[in-house]
Amino acid sequence: MNGAADFNRLAADLAAAGAAAQYEAPHLVAAAARELEGIAKAFCPTDTGKLRRSITTDLDLANASAVIGPEEFYGKFVEWGTSDTAPAAFMGPALDRVEPSFIQSIENLGGNIL
């Protein structure tokens, strides 16, 4: 083994990995966000369907981020409950379902790149 050559190879691999991660990560975030939105809608309690229809995803692919949730103001009261009503969580359980596979995807991304 040649220490300098191995180091240079690793440096080149890491530089390529950064570019690949910047390309792939937003796609993984978008896929997870769409999945989370769909599951949240399935879990969302419904009376009129207004709350369910208000669950949307706002993607920021440039920063590999997403915000998923209801736009109706009362969504937080349904999710967490009030002093008069029990919670009927839908976002938390959806996140619980999606999080493990998303974390695994990100870990695989790192492993596949290097």
Protein backbone atom coordinates (compact mmCIF):
# COMPACT_ATOMS: atom_id res chain seq x y z
CA MET A 1 0.00 0.00 0.00
CA ASN A 2 1.15 3.45 -0.80
CA GLY A 3 -0.14 5.88 1.85
CA ALA A 4 -0.08 8.94 -0.39
CA ALA A 5 -1.75 7.17 -3.31
CA ASP A 6 -4.44 5.70 -1.02
CA PHE A 7 -5.04 9.11 0.52
CA ASN A 8 -5.33 10.76 -2.91
CA ARG A 9 -7.76 8.04 -4.06
CA LEU A 10 -9.87 8.55 -0.93
CA ALA A 11 -9.86 12.33 -1.44
CA ALA A 12 -11.04 11.88 -5.02
CA ASP A 13 -13.74 9.42 -3.90
CA LEU A 14 -14.97 11.86 -1.25
CA ALA A 15 -15.12 14.72 -3.76
CA ALA A 16 -17.19 12.58 -6.12
CA ALA A 17 -19.34 11.40 -3.22
CA GLY A 18 -20.20 14.97 -2.31
CA ALA A 19 -21.44 15.67 -5.82
CA ALA A 20 -23.40 12.42 -5.96
CA ALA A 21 -24.98 13.08 -2.54
CA GLN A 22 -25.99 16.58 -3.60
CA TYR A 23 -27.76 15.05 -6.59
CA GLU A 24 -29.37 12.06 -4.85
CA ALA A 25 -30.35 13.48 -1.44
CA PRO A 26 -33.09 15.81 -2.74
CA HIS A 27 -34.69 12.88 -4.57
CA LEU A 28 -34.69 10.80 -1.39
CA VAL A 29 -36.23 13.70 0.55
CA ALA A 30 -38.92 14.21 -2.10
CA ALA A 31 -39.83 10.52 -2.15
CA ALA A 32 -40.04 10.35 1.65
CA ALA A 33 -42.08 13.56 1.77
CA ARG A 34 -44.61 12.25 -0.75
CA GLU A 35 -44.86 8.98 1.17
CA LEU A 36 -45.33 10.81 4.48
CA GLU A 37 -48.03 13.05 3.00
CA GLY A 38 -49.93 10.04 1.67
CA ILE A 39 -49.77 8.17 4.97
CA ALA A 40 -50.77 11.28 6.94
CA LYS A 41 -53.81 11.69 4.69
CA ALA A 42 -54.72 8.04 5.25
CA PHE A 43 -54.39 8.42 9.04
CA CYS A 44 -56.13 11.81 9.20
CA PRO A 45 -59.50 11.67 10.91
CA THR A 46 -62.20 13.03 8.71
CA ASP A 47 -65.51 14.72 9.19
CA THR A 48 -65.75 16.93 6.14
CA GLY A 49 -62.39 16.00 4.60
CA LYS A 50 -61.18 19.60 4.77
CA LEU A 51 -58.28 18.80 7.11
CA ARG A 52 -57.19 15.82 5.00
CA ARG A 53 -57.26 17.88 1.81
CA SER A 54 -55.16 20.58 3.50
CA ILE A 55 -52.20 18.24 4.09
CA THR A 56 -49.58 19.33 1.60
CA THR A 57 -45.86 19.07 0.95
CA ASP A 58 -43.61 22.04 0.36
CA LEU A 59 -40.36 20.80 -1.19
CA ASP A 60 -37.11 22.74 -1.26
CA LEU A 61 -34.94 20.56 -3.47
CA ALA A 62 -32.09 23.06 -3.46
CA ASN A 63 -31.69 22.44 0.26
CA ALA A 64 -32.92 18.82 0.28
CA SER A 65 -35.73 19.68 2.68
CA ALA A 66 -39.49 19.44 2.91
CA VAL A 67 -42.30 20.66 5.13
CA ILE A 68 -45.32 18.36 5.28
CA GLY A 69 -48.48 19.11 7.19
CA PRO A 70 -51.98 20.47 7.27
CA GLU A 71 -52.62 24.04 6.27
CA GLU A 72 -55.84 24.21 8.28
CA PHE A 73 -55.21 26.04 11.55
CA TYR A 74 -56.99 23.41 13.62
CA GLY A 75 -54.72 20.58 12.48
CA LYS A 76 -52.51 21.00 15.56
CA PHE A 77 -55.55 20.68 17.84
CA VAL A 78 -56.56 17.44 16.16
CA GLU A 79 -52.99 16.10 16.30
CA TRP A 80 -52.26 17.00 19.93
CA GLY A 81 -55.76 17.33 21.37
CA THR A 82 -57.08 20.06 23.63
CA SER A 83 -58.26 20.24 27.21
CA ASP A 84 -61.66 19.08 25.92
CA THR A 85 -60.72 16.56 23.22
CA ALA A 86 -58.32 13.66 23.00
CA PRO A 87 -55.59 13.77 20.38
CA ALA A 88 -56.23 12.06 17.06
CA ALA A 89 -52.64 12.02 15.83
CA PHE A 90 -52.05 11.55 12.13
CA MET A 91 -48.78 13.36 11.37
CA GLY A 92 -46.76 11.73 14.16
CA PRO A 93 -47.78 8.18 13.24
CA ALA A 94 -47.08 8.93 9.57
CA LEU A 95 -43.59 10.14 10.47
CA ASP A 96 -43.06 7.04 12.61
CA ARG A 97 -43.81 4.90 9.54
CA VAL A 98 -41.59 6.78 7.10
CA GLU A 99 -38.62 7.70 9.28
CA PRO A 100 -36.89 4.27 9.46
CA SER A 101 -36.87 3.76 5.69
CA PHE A 102 -35.77 7.36 5.09
CA ILE A 103 -32.88 7.00 7.52
CA GLN A 104 -31.91 3.72 5.85
CA SER A 105 -32.02 5.42 2.42
CA ILE A 106 -29.70 8.16 3.58
CA GLU A 107 -27.34 5.64 5.16
CA ASN A 108 -27.38 3.60 1.94
CA LEU A 109 -26.67 6.74 -0.05
CA GLY A 110 -23.48 7.25 1.94
CA GLY A 111 -22.49 3.61 1.62
CA ASN A 112 -23.25 3.39 -2.09
CA ILE A 113 -21.33 6.54 -2.90
CA LEU A 114 -18.13 5.46 -1.21
